[in-house]
Amino acid sequence: MTNEDAIKILQEQQAKFNDEYIDYGGVNEAYKLAIEALKRPQGEWIPVSERLPEYSGLYLISVDDVVTVANFTGTYFMHRGGGRVEVYAWQPLPDSYKKGCAE
């Protein structure tokens, strides 16, 4: 299944859900986020004005003209020196290198 196939299925399910149910649990927003994630190429920067990460942890961040790694605490990013930083955009860290994958 391609991302385009998955997007089409999710859009159909989202439309069906909207027609049949009242959205008390945020299901419509979940559909929207899933569709947006599938449309976004891997490694694309996500502006903090659009959204913050869903989970605490380490992320690549863009600050001024610098790309670095920072810890997202659930509400804001902290640089490894312990200082809170103003972040323009972020993206998940790439998967770790697996020995034998590139050989």
PDB file of N, CA and C in Angstrom:
ATOM      1  N   MET A   1       0.852  -1.177   0.000  1.00  0.00           N
ATOM      2  CA  MET A   1       0.000   0.000   0.000  1.00  0.00           C
ATOM      3  C   MET A   1       0.892   1.232   0.000  1.00  0.00           C
ATOM      4  N   THR A   2       0.570   2.183  -0.823  1.00  0.00           N
ATOM      5  CA  THR A   2       1.321   3.436  -0.879  1.00  0.00           C
ATOM      6  C   THR A   2       0.724   4.447   0.097  1.00  0.00           C
ATOM      7  N   ASN A   3       1.452   5.526   0.339  1.00  0.00           N
ATOM      8  CA  ASN A   3       0.922   6.611   1.175  1.00  0.00           C
ATOM      9  C   ASN A   3      -0.346   7.190   0.556  1.00  0.00           C
ATOM     10  N   GLU A   4      -0.359   7.306  -0.778  1.00  0.00           N
ATOM     11  CA  GLU A   4      -1.534   7.854  -1.470  1.00  0.00           C
ATOM     12  C   GLU A   4      -2.758   6.958  -1.244  1.00  0.00           C
ATOM     13  N   ASP A   5      -2.559   5.632  -1.281  1.00  0.00           N
ATOM     14  CA  ASP A   5      -3.663   4.698  -1.016  1.00  0.00           C
ATOM     15  C   ASP A   5      -4.183   4.872   0.415  1.00  0.00           C
ATOM     16  N   ALA A   6      -3.249   4.975   1.362  1.00  0.00           N
ATOM     17  CA  ALA A   6      -3.634   5.135   2.764  1.00  0.00           C
ATOM     18  C   ALA A   6      -4.364   6.458   2.988  1.00  0.00           C
ATOM     19  N   ILE A   7      -3.891   7.515   2.331  1.00  0.00           N
ATOM     20  CA  ILE A   7      -4.549   8.826   2.449  1.00  0.00           C
ATOM     21  C   ILE A   7      -5.982   8.737   1.943  1.00  0.00           C
ATOM     22  N   LYS A   8      -6.185   8.089   0.802  1.00  0.00           N
ATOM     23  CA  LYS A   8      -7.527   7.961   0.234  1.00  0.00           C
ATOM     24  C   LYS A   8      -8.456   7.209   1.194  1.00  0.00           C
ATOM     25  N   ILE A   9      -7.971   6.120   1.763  1.00  0.00           N
ATOM     26  CA  ILE A   9      -8.773   5.340   2.712  1.00  0.00           C
ATOM     27  C   ILE A   9      -9.114   6.174   3.943  1.00  0.00           C
ATOM     28  N   LEU A  10      -8.110   6.873   4.491  1.00  0.00           N
ATOM     29  CA  LEU A  10      -8.351   7.700   5.674  1.00  0.00           C
ATOM     30  C   LEU A  10      -9.334   8.833   5.386  1.00  0.00           C
ATOM     31  N   GLN A  11      -9.222   9.447   4.213  1.00  0.00           N
ATOM     32  CA  GLN A  11     -10.154  10.514   3.855  1.00  0.00           C
ATOM     33  C   GLN A  11     -11.577   9.979   3.734  1.00  0.00           C
ATOM     34  N   GLU A  12     -11.739   8.783   3.162  1.00  0.00           N
ATOM     35  CA  GLU A  12     -13.070   8.171   3.054  1.00  0.00           C
ATOM     36  C   GLU A  12     -13.628   7.858   4.439  1.00  0.00           C
ATOM     37  N   GLN A  13     -12.786   7.306   5.319  1.00  0.00           N
ATOM     38  CA  GLN A  13     -13.228   6.987   6.676  1.00  0.00           C
ATOM     39  C   GLN A  13     -13.557   8.245   7.467  1.00  0.00           C
ATOM     40  N   GLN A  14     -12.761   9.298   7.260  1.00  0.00           N
ATOM     41  CA  GLN A  14     -13.013  10.565   7.940  1.00  0.00           C
ATOM     42  C   GLN A  14     -14.358  11.134   7.517  1.00  0.00           C
ATOM     43  N   ALA A  15     -14.653  11.105   6.223  1.00  0.00           N
ATOM     44  CA  ALA A  15     -15.935  11.613   5.723  1.00  0.00           C
ATOM     45  C   ALA A  15     -17.092  10.797   6.293  1.00  0.00           C
ATOM     46  N   LYS A  16     -16.937   9.480   6.331  1.00  0.00           N
ATOM     47  CA  LYS A  16     -17.979   8.601   6.885  1.00  0.00           C
ATOM     48  C   LYS A  16     -18.182   8.899   8.370  1.00  0.00           C
ATOM     49  N   PHE A  17     -17.078   9.057   9.088  1.00  0.00           N
ATOM     50  CA  PHE A  17     -17.163   9.362  10.516  1.00  0.00           C
ATOM     51  C   PHE A  17     -17.895  10.678  10.730  1.00  0.00           C
ATOM     52  N   ASN A  18     -17.545  11.708   9.955  1.00  0.00           N
ATOM     53  CA  ASN A  18     -18.178  13.022  10.096  1.00  0.00           C
ATOM     54  C   ASN A  18     -19.677  12.967   9.834  1.00  0.00           C
ATOM     55  N   ASP A  19     -20.102  12.100   8.910  1.00  0.00           N
ATOM     56  CA  ASP A  19     -21.522  11.976   8.568  1.00  0.00           C
ATOM     57  C   ASP A  19     -22.318  11.228   9.634  1.00  0.00           C
ATOM     58  N   GLU A  20     -21.659  10.311  10.361  1.00  0.00           N
ATOM     59  CA  GLU A  20     -22.392   9.399  11.238  1.00  0.00           C
ATOM     60  C   GLU A  20     -22.245   9.666  12.735  1.00  0.00           C
ATOM     61  N   TYR A  21     -21.204  10.384  13.147  1.00  0.00           N
ATOM     62  CA  TYR A  21     -20.929  10.499  14.578  1.00  0.00           C
ATOM     63  C   TYR A  21     -20.653  11.939  14.988  1.00  0.00           C
ATOM     64  N   ILE A  22     -20.913  12.217  16.247  1.00  0.00           N
ATOM     65  CA  ILE A  22     -20.486  13.469  16.861  1.00  0.00           C
ATOM     66  C   ILE A  22     -19.084  13.218  17.399  1.00  0.00           C
ATOM     67  N   ASP A  23     -18.149  14.091  17.116  1.00  0.00           N
ATOM     68  CA  ASP A  23     -16.741  13.883  17.465  1.00  0.00           C
ATOM     69  C   ASP A  23     -16.445  14.362  18.883  1.00  0.00           C
ATOM     70  N   TYR A  24     -16.701  13.489  19.860  1.00  0.00           N
ATOM     71  CA  TYR A  24     -16.406  13.836  21.247  1.00  0.00           C
ATOM     72  C   TYR A  24     -14.956  13.540  21.629  1.00  0.00           C
ATOM     73  N   GLY A  25     -14.336  12.566  20.989  1.00  0.00           N
ATOM     74  CA  GLY A  25     -13.008  12.137  21.421  1.00  0.00           C
ATOM     75  C   GLY A  25     -11.857  12.621  20.567  1.00  0.00           C
ATOM     76  N   GLY A  26     -12.092  13.530  19.641  1.00  0.00           N
ATOM     77  CA  GLY A  26     -11.012  14.047  18.815  1.00  0.00           C
ATOM     78  C   GLY A  26     -10.629  13.146  17.661  1.00  0.00           C
ATOM     79  N   VAL A  27     -11.520  12.236  17.280  1.00  0.00           N
ATOM     80  CA  VAL A  27     -11.221  11.308  16.194  1.00  0.00           C
ATOM     81  C   VAL A  27     -10.998  12.057  14.887  1.00  0.00           C
ATOM     82  N   ASN A  28     -11.796  13.070  14.622  1.00  0.00           N
ATOM     83  CA  ASN A  28     -11.642  13.837  13.389  1.00  0.00           C
ATOM     84  C   ASN A  28     -10.259  14.483  13.332  1.00  0.00           C
ATOM     85  N   GLU A  29      -9.793  15.009  14.452  1.00  0.00           N
ATOM     86  CA  GLU A  29      -8.455  15.613  14.501  1.00  0.00           C
ATOM     87  C   GLU A  29      -7.390  14.545  14.280  1.00  0.00           C
ATOM     88  N   ALA A  30      -7.592  13.344  14.801  1.00  0.00           N
ATOM     89  CA  ALA A  30      -6.643  12.250  14.583  1.00  0.00           C
ATOM     90  C   ALA A  30      -6.558  11.885  13.104  1.00  0.00           C
ATOM     91  N   TYR A  31      -7.713  11.811  12.430  1.00  0.00           N
ATOM     92  CA  TYR A  31      -7.709  11.561  10.991  1.00  0.00           C
ATOM     93  C   TYR A  31      -6.917  12.656  10.270  1.00  0.00           C
ATOM     94  N   LYS A  32      -7.181  13.899  10.628  1.00  0.00           N
ATOM     95  CA  LYS A  32      -6.516  15.032   9.982  1.00  0.00           C
ATOM     96  C   LYS A  32      -4.999  14.952  10.162  1.00  0.00           C
ATOM     97  N   LEU A  33      -4.528  14.672  11.380  1.00  0.00           N
ATOM     98  CA  LEU A  33      -3.096  14.583  11.638  1.00  0.00           C
ATOM     99  C   LEU A  33      -2.452  13.418  10.896  1.00  0.00           C
ATOM    100  N   ALA A  34      -3.153  12.287  10.840  1.00  0.00           N
ATOM    101  CA  ALA A  34      -2.623  11.122  10.125  1.00  0.00           C
ATOM    102  C   ALA A  34      -2.488  11.415   8.631  1.00  0.00           C
ATOM    103  N   ILE A  35      -3.481  12.048   8.062  1.00  0.00           N
ATOM    104  CA  ILE A  35      -3.436  12.392   6.636  1.00  0.00           C
ATOM    105  C   ILE A  35      -2.297  13.375   6.371  1.00  0.00           C
ATOM    106  N   GLU A  36      -2.145  14.385   7.228  1.00  0.00           N
ATOM    107  CA  GLU A  36      -1.056  15.354   7.066  1.00  0.00           C
ATOM    108  C   GLU A  36       0.304  14.678   7.167  1.00  0.00           C
ATOM    109  N   ALA A  37       0.439  13.738   8.108  1.00  0.00           N
ATOM    110  CA  ALA A  37       1.713  13.037   8.281  1.00  0.00           C
ATOM    111  C   ALA A  37       2.053  12.200   7.054  1.00  0.00           C
ATOM    112  N   LEU A  38       1.059  11.560   6.476  1.00  0.00           N
ATOM    113  CA  LEU A  38       1.302  10.744   5.286  1.00  0.00           C
ATOM    114  C   LEU A  38       1.655  11.599   4.071  1.00  0.00           C
ATOM    115  N   LYS A  39       1.137  12.812   4.020  1.00  0.00           N
ATOM    116  CA  LYS A  39       1.431  13.709   2.903  1.00  0.00           C
ATOM    117  C   LYS A  39       2.832  14.311   3.005  1.00  0.00           C
ATOM    118  N   ARG A  40       3.350  14.413   4.222  1.00  0.00           N
ATOM    119  CA  ARG A  40       4.642  15.065   4.450  1.00  0.00           C
ATOM    120  C   ARG A  40       5.774  14.083   4.146  1.00  0.00           C
ATOM    121  N   PRO A  41       6.724  14.495   3.309  1.00  0.00           N
ATOM    122  CA  PRO A  41       7.880  13.636   3.035  1.00  0.00           C
ATOM    123  C   PRO A  41       8.696  13.414   4.303  1.00  0.00           C
ATOM    124  N   GLN A  42       9.357  12.266   4.397  1.00  0.00           N
ATOM    125  CA  GLN A  42      10.222  11.977   5.533  1.00  0.00           C
ATOM    126  C   GLN A  42      11.298  13.047   5.633  1.00  0.00           C
ATOM    127  N   GLY A  43      11.606  13.478   6.825  1.00  0.00           N
ATOM    128  CA  GLY A  43      12.669  14.431   7.031  1.00  0.00           C
ATOM    129  C   GLY A  43      12.298  15.880   6.773  1.00  0.00           C
ATOM    130  N   GLU A  44      11.031  16.165   6.567  1.00  0.00           N
ATOM    131  CA  GLU A  44      10.619  17.547   6.324  1.00  0.00           C
ATOM    132  C   GLU A  44      10.467  18.276   7.648  1.00  0.00           C
ATOM    133  N   TRP A  45      10.879  19.535   7.667  1.00  0.00           N
ATOM    134  CA  TRP A  45      10.766  20.345   8.872  1.00  0.00           C
ATOM    135  C   TRP A  45       9.311  20.679   9.162  1.00  0.00           C
ATOM    136  N   ILE A  46       8.948  20.631  10.436  1.00  0.00           N
ATOM    137  CA  ILE A  46       7.597  20.960  10.885  1.00  0.00           C
ATOM    138  C   ILE A  46       7.686  22.257  11.696  1.00  0.00           C
ATOM    139  N   PRO A  47       7.083  23.334  11.228  1.00  0.00           N
ATOM    140  CA  PRO A  47       7.147  24.591  11.977  1.00  0.00           C
ATOM    141  C   PRO A  47       6.446  24.450  13.336  1.00  0.00           C
ATOM    142  N   VAL A  48       7.040  25.049  14.379  1.00  0.00           N
ATOM    143  CA  VAL A  48       6.410  24.985  15.693  1.00  0.00           C
ATOM    144  C   VAL A  48       5.093  25.755  15.700  1.00  0.00           C
ATOM    145  N   SER A  49       4.932  26.687  14.759  1.00  0.00           N
ATOM    146  CA  SER A  49       3.662  27.407  14.663  1.00  0.00           C
ATOM    147  C   SER A  49       2.549  26.481  14.176  1.00  0.00           C
ATOM    148  N   GLU A  50       2.925  25.388  13.492  1.00  0.00           N
ATOM    149  CA  GLU A  50       1.948  24.412  13.010  1.00  0.00           C
ATOM    150  C   GLU A  50       1.570  23.430  14.114  1.00  0.00           C
ATOM    151  N   ARG A  51       2.596  22.878  14.778  1.00  0.00           N
ATOM    152  CA  ARG A  51       2.349  21.972  15.896  1.00  0.00           C
ATOM    153  C   ARG A  51       3.659  21.600  16.563  1.00  0.00           C
ATOM    154  N   LEU A  52       3.549  21.126  17.794  1.00  0.00           N
ATOM    155  CA  LEU A  52       4.690  20.628  18.547  1.00  0.00           C
ATOM    156  C   LEU A  52       4.673  19.105  18.498  1.00  0.00           C
ATOM    157  N   PRO A  53       5.789  18.461  18.855  1.00  0.00           N
ATOM    158  CA  PRO A  53       5.778  16.992  18.899  1.00  0.00           C
ATOM    159  C   PRO A  53       4.731  16.477  19.878  1.00  0.00           C
ATOM    160  N   GLU A  54       4.239  15.279  19.624  1.00  0.00           N
ATOM    161  CA  GLU A  54       3.243  14.669  20.504  1.00  0.00           C
ATOM    162  C   GLU A  54       3.874  14.062  21.748  1.00  0.00           C
ATOM    163  N   TYR A  55       5.162  13.692  21.650  1.00  0.00           N
ATOM    164  CA  TYR A  55       5.816  12.976  22.738  1.00  0.00           C
ATOM    165  C   TYR A  55       7.089  13.688  23.177  1.00  0.00           C
ATOM    166  N   SER A  56       7.415  13.568  24.463  1.00  0.00           N
ATOM    167  CA  SER A  56       8.683  14.082  24.968  1.00  0.00           C
ATOM    168  C   SER A  56       9.814  13.260  24.384  1.00  0.00           C
ATOM    169  N   GLY A  57      10.976  13.873  24.241  1.00  0.00           N
ATOM    170  CA  GLY A  57      12.133  13.153  23.733  1.00  0.00           C
ATOM    171  C   GLY A  57      13.035  14.048  22.922  1.00  0.00           C
ATOM    172  N   LEU A  58      14.029  13.442  22.282  1.00  0.00           N
ATOM    173  CA  LEU A  58      14.995  14.180  21.490  1.00  0.00           C
ATOM    174  C   LEU A  58      14.504  14.385  20.061  1.00  0.00           C
ATOM    175  N   TYR A  59      14.742  15.591  19.540  1.00  0.00           N
ATOM    176  CA  TYR A  59      14.334  15.956  18.188  1.00  0.00           C
ATOM    177  C   TYR A  59      15.412  16.817  17.551  1.00  0.00           C
ATOM    178  N   LEU A  60      15.492  16.785  16.222  1.00  0.00           N
ATOM    179  CA  LEU A  60      16.286  17.761  15.492  1.00  0.00           C
ATOM    180  C   LEU A  60      15.526  19.069  15.530  1.00  0.00           C
ATOM    181  N   ILE A  61      16.240  20.166  15.766  1.00  0.00           N
ATOM    182  CA  ILE A  61      15.577  21.463  15.800  1.00  0.00           C
ATOM    183  C   ILE A  61      16.344  22.451  14.936  1.00  0.00           C
ATOM    184  N   SER A  62      15.630  23.438  14.428  1.00  0.00           N
ATOM    185  CA  SER A  62      16.217  24.525  13.664  1.00  0.00           C
ATOM    186  C   SER A  62      16.085  25.800  14.486  1.00  0.00           C
ATOM    187  N   VAL A  63      17.240  26.371  14.816  1.00  0.00           N
ATOM    188  CA  VAL A  63      17.306  27.603  15.602  1.00  0.00           C
ATOM    189  C   VAL A  63      18.194  28.569  14.836  1.00  0.00           C
ATOM    190  N   ASP A  64      17.635  29.701  14.403  1.00  0.00           N
ATOM    191  CA  ASP A  64      18.368  30.643  13.558  1.00  0.00           C
ATOM    192  C   ASP A  64      18.947  29.882  12.367  1.00  0.00           C
ATOM    193  N   ASP A  65      20.276  29.912  12.197  1.00  0.00           N
ATOM    194  CA  ASP A  65      20.913  29.207  11.083  1.00  0.00           C
ATOM    195  C   ASP A  65      21.575  27.913  11.538  1.00  0.00           C
ATOM    196  N   VAL A  66      21.154  27.379  12.662  1.00  0.00           N
ATOM    197  CA  VAL A  66      21.785  26.205  13.251  1.00  0.00           C
ATOM    198  C   VAL A  66      20.786  25.053  13.338  1.00  0.00           C
ATOM    199  N   VAL A  67      21.286  23.859  13.037  1.00  0.00           N
ATOM    200  CA  VAL A  67      20.504  22.642  13.264  1.00  0.00           C
ATOM    201  C   VAL A  67      21.189  21.883  14.380  1.00  0.00           C
ATOM    202  N   THR A  68      20.431  21.489  15.388  1.00  0.00           N
ATOM    203  CA  THR A  68      20.995  20.791  16.529  1.00  0.00           C
ATOM    204  C   THR A  68      19.949  19.832  17.094  1.00  0.00           C
ATOM    205  N   VAL A  69      20.281  19.176  18.176  1.00  0.00           N
ATOM    206  CA  VAL A  69      19.365  18.256  18.846  1.00  0.00           C
ATOM    207  C   VAL A  69      18.963  18.868  20.174  1.00  0.00           C
ATOM    208  N   ALA A  70      17.683  18.765  20.501  1.00  0.00           N
ATOM    209  CA  ALA A  70      17.202  19.277  21.784  1.00  0.00           C
ATOM    210  C   ALA A  70      16.161  18.313  22.344  1.00  0.00           C
ATOM    211  N   ASN A  71      15.955  18.410  23.631  1.00  0.00           N
ATOM    212  CA  ASN A  71      14.973  17.586  24.317  1.00  0.00           C
ATOM    213  C   ASN A  71      13.647  18.340  24.396  1.00  0.00           C
ATOM    214  N   PHE A  72      12.587  17.718  23.898  1.00  0.00           N
ATOM    215  CA  PHE A  72      11.251  18.304  24.031  1.00  0.00           C
ATOM    216  C   PHE A  72      10.657  17.769  25.316  1.00  0.00           C
ATOM    217  N   THR A  73      10.243  18.665  26.207  1.00  0.00           N
ATOM    218  CA  THR A  73       9.785  18.279  27.542  1.00  0.00           C
ATOM    219  C   THR A  73       8.288  18.001  27.608  1.00  0.00           C
ATOM    220  N   GLY A  74       7.602  18.226  26.506  1.00  0.00           N
ATOM    221  CA  GLY A  74       6.153  18.101  26.514  1.00  0.00           C
ATOM    222  C   GLY A  74       5.483  19.446  26.318  1.00  0.00           C
ATOM    223  N   THR A  75       6.213  20.522  26.638  1.00  0.00           N
ATOM    224  CA  THR A  75       5.683  21.872  26.433  1.00  0.00           C
ATOM    225  C   THR A  75       6.674  22.796  25.738  1.00  0.00           C
ATOM    226  N   TYR A  76       7.976  22.530  25.863  1.00  0.00           N
ATOM    227  CA  TYR A  76       8.983  23.362  25.221  1.00  0.00           C
ATOM    228  C   TYR A  76      10.261  22.552  24.999  1.00  0.00           C
ATOM    229  N   PHE A  77      11.186  23.116  24.189  1.00  0.00           N
ATOM    230  CA  PHE A  77      12.463  22.470  23.903  1.00  0.00           C
ATOM    231  C   PHE A  77      13.541  22.997  24.837  1.00  0.00           C
ATOM    232  N   MET A  78      14.409  22.087  25.304  1.00  0.00           N
ATOM    233  CA  MET A  78      15.557  22.471  26.134  1.00  0.00           C
ATOM    234  C   MET A  78      16.822  21.974  25.459  1.00  0.00           C
ATOM    235  N   HIS A  79      17.802  22.870  25.322  1.00  0.00           N
ATOM    236  CA  HIS A  79      19.085  22.490  24.758  1.00  0.00           C
ATOM    237  C   HIS A  79      19.861  21.703  25.799  1.00  0.00           C
ATOM    238  N   ARG A  80      20.835  20.926  25.377  1.00  0.00           N
ATOM    239  CA  ARG A  80      21.563  20.048  26.302  1.00  0.00           C
ATOM    240  C   ARG A  80      22.251  20.799  27.433  1.00  0.00           C
ATOM    241  N   GLY A  81      22.503  22.091  27.262  1.00  0.00           N
ATOM    242  CA  GLY A  81      23.090  22.872  28.334  1.00  0.00           C
ATOM    243  C   GLY A  81      22.068  23.238  29.410  1.00  0.00           C
ATOM    244  N   GLY A  82      20.826  22.849  29.212  1.00  0.00           N
ATOM    245  CA  GLY A  82      19.789  23.101  30.196  1.00  0.00           C
ATOM    246  C   GLY A  82      18.958  24.334  29.924  1.00  0.00           C
ATOM    247  N   GLY A  83      19.322  25.099  28.903  1.00  0.00           N
ATOM    248  CA  GLY A  83      18.573  26.310  28.607  1.00  0.00           C
ATOM    249  C   GLY A  83      17.406  26.071  27.669  1.00  0.00           C
ATOM    250  N   ARG A  84      16.361  26.802  27.921  1.00  0.00           N
ATOM    251  CA  ARG A  84      15.195  26.768  27.046  1.00  0.00           C
ATOM    252  C   ARG A  84      15.532  27.507  25.758  1.00  0.00           C
ATOM    253  N   VAL A  85      15.168  26.938  24.599  1.00  0.00           N
ATOM    254  CA  VAL A  85      15.524  27.564  23.325  1.00  0.00           C
ATOM    255  C   VAL A  85      14.280  27.882  22.514  1.00  0.00           C
ATOM    256  N   GLU A  86      14.390  28.957  21.719  1.00  0.00           N
ATOM    257  CA  GLU A  86      13.328  29.358  20.802  1.00  0.00           C
ATOM    258  C   GLU A  86      13.532  28.605  19.496  1.00  0.00           C
ATOM    259  N   VAL A  87      12.632  27.700  19.175  1.00  0.00           N
ATOM    260  CA  VAL A  87      12.770  26.819  18.022  1.00  0.00           C
ATOM    261  C   VAL A  87      11.819  27.261  16.924  1.00  0.00           C
ATOM    262  N   TYR A  88      12.308  27.281  15.685  1.00  0.00           N
ATOM    263  CA  TYR A  88      11.479  27.635  14.540  1.00  0.00           C
ATOM    264  C   TYR A  88      10.773  26.418  13.954  1.00  0.00           C
ATOM    265  N   ALA A  89      11.516  25.297  13.887  1.00  0.00           N
ATOM    266  CA  ALA A  89      10.962  24.085  13.296  1.00  0.00           C
ATOM    267  C   ALA A  89      11.665  22.876  13.897  1.00  0.00           C
ATOM    268  N   TRP A  90      11.049  21.708  13.757  1.00  0.00           N
ATOM    269  CA  TRP A  90      11.596  20.483  14.324  1.00  0.00           C
ATOM    270  C   TRP A  90      11.270  19.314  13.402  1.00  0.00           C
ATOM    271  N   GLN A  91      11.952  18.191  13.651  1.00  0.00           N
ATOM    272  CA  GLN A  91      11.629  16.944  12.981  1.00  0.00           C
ATOM    273  C   GLN A  91      12.145  15.793  13.831  1.00  0.00           C
ATOM    274  N   PRO A  92      11.522  14.631  13.702  1.00  0.00           N
ATOM    275  CA  PRO A  92      12.000  13.472  14.464  1.00  0.00           C
ATOM    276  C   PRO A  92      13.431  13.119  14.051  1.00  0.00           C
ATOM    277  N   LEU A  93      14.172  12.526  14.967  1.00  0.00           N
ATOM    278  CA  LEU A  93      15.499  12.044  14.640  1.00  0.00           C
ATOM    279  C   LEU A  93      15.379  10.892  13.648  1.00  0.00           C
ATOM    280  N   PRO A  94      16.338  10.761  12.744  1.00  0.00           N
ATOM    281  CA  PRO A  94      16.289   9.621  11.829  1.00  0.00           C
ATOM    282  C   PRO A  94      16.558   8.328  12.585  1.00  0.00           C
ATOM    283  N   ASP A  95      16.214   7.207  11.973  1.00  0.00           N
ATOM    284  CA  ASP A  95      16.512   5.908  12.574  1.00  0.00           C
ATOM    285  C   ASP A  95      18.019   5.732  12.681  1.00  0.00           C
ATOM    286  N   SER A  96      18.455   4.960  13.658  1.00  0.00           N
ATOM    287  CA  SER A  96      19.874   4.661  13.825  1.00  0.00           C
ATOM    288  C   SER A  96      20.387   3.826  12.670  1.00  0.00           C
ATOM    289  N   TYR A  97      21.661   3.972  12.378  1.00  0.00           N
ATOM    290  CA  TYR A  97      22.300   3.164  11.350  1.00  0.00           C
ATOM    291  C   TYR A  97      22.288   1.705  11.782  1.00  0.00           C
ATOM    292  N   LYS A  98      21.928   0.843  10.864  1.00  0.00           N
ATOM    293  CA  LYS A  98      21.918  -0.589  11.123  1.00  0.00           C
ATOM    294  C   LYS A  98      23.055  -1.211  10.323  1.00  0.00           C
ATOM    295  N   LYS A  99      24.019  -1.803  10.989  1.00  0.00           N
ATOM    296  CA  LYS A  99      25.163  -2.397  10.323  1.00  0.00           C
ATOM    297  C   LYS A  99      24.685  -3.455   9.332  1.00  0.00           C
ATOM    298  N   GLY A 100      25.207  -3.385   8.133  1.00  0.00           N
ATOM    299  CA  GLY A 100      24.838  -4.347   7.106  1.00  0.00           C
ATOM    300  C   GLY A 100      23.775  -3.823   6.160  1.00  0.00           C
ATOM    301  N   CYS A 101      23.084  -2.745   6.515  1.00  0.00           N
ATOM    302  CA  CYS A 101      22.032  -2.194   5.650  1.00  0.00           C
ATOM    303  C   CYS A 101      22.593  -1.510   4.422  1.00  0.00           C
ATOM    304  N   ALA A 102      23.754  -0.863   4.560  1.00  0.00           N
ATOM    305  CA  ALA A 102      24.314  -0.111   3.439  1.00  0.00           C
ATOM    306  C   ALA A 102      25.412  -0.885   2.733  1.00  0.00           C
ATOM    307  N   GLU A 103      25.688  -2.085   3.194  1.00  0.00           N
ATOM    308  CA  GLU A 103      26.788  -2.862   2.613  1.00  0.00           C
ATOM    309  C   GLU A 103      26.311  -3.729   1.477  1.00  0.00           C
TER     310      GLU A 103
END
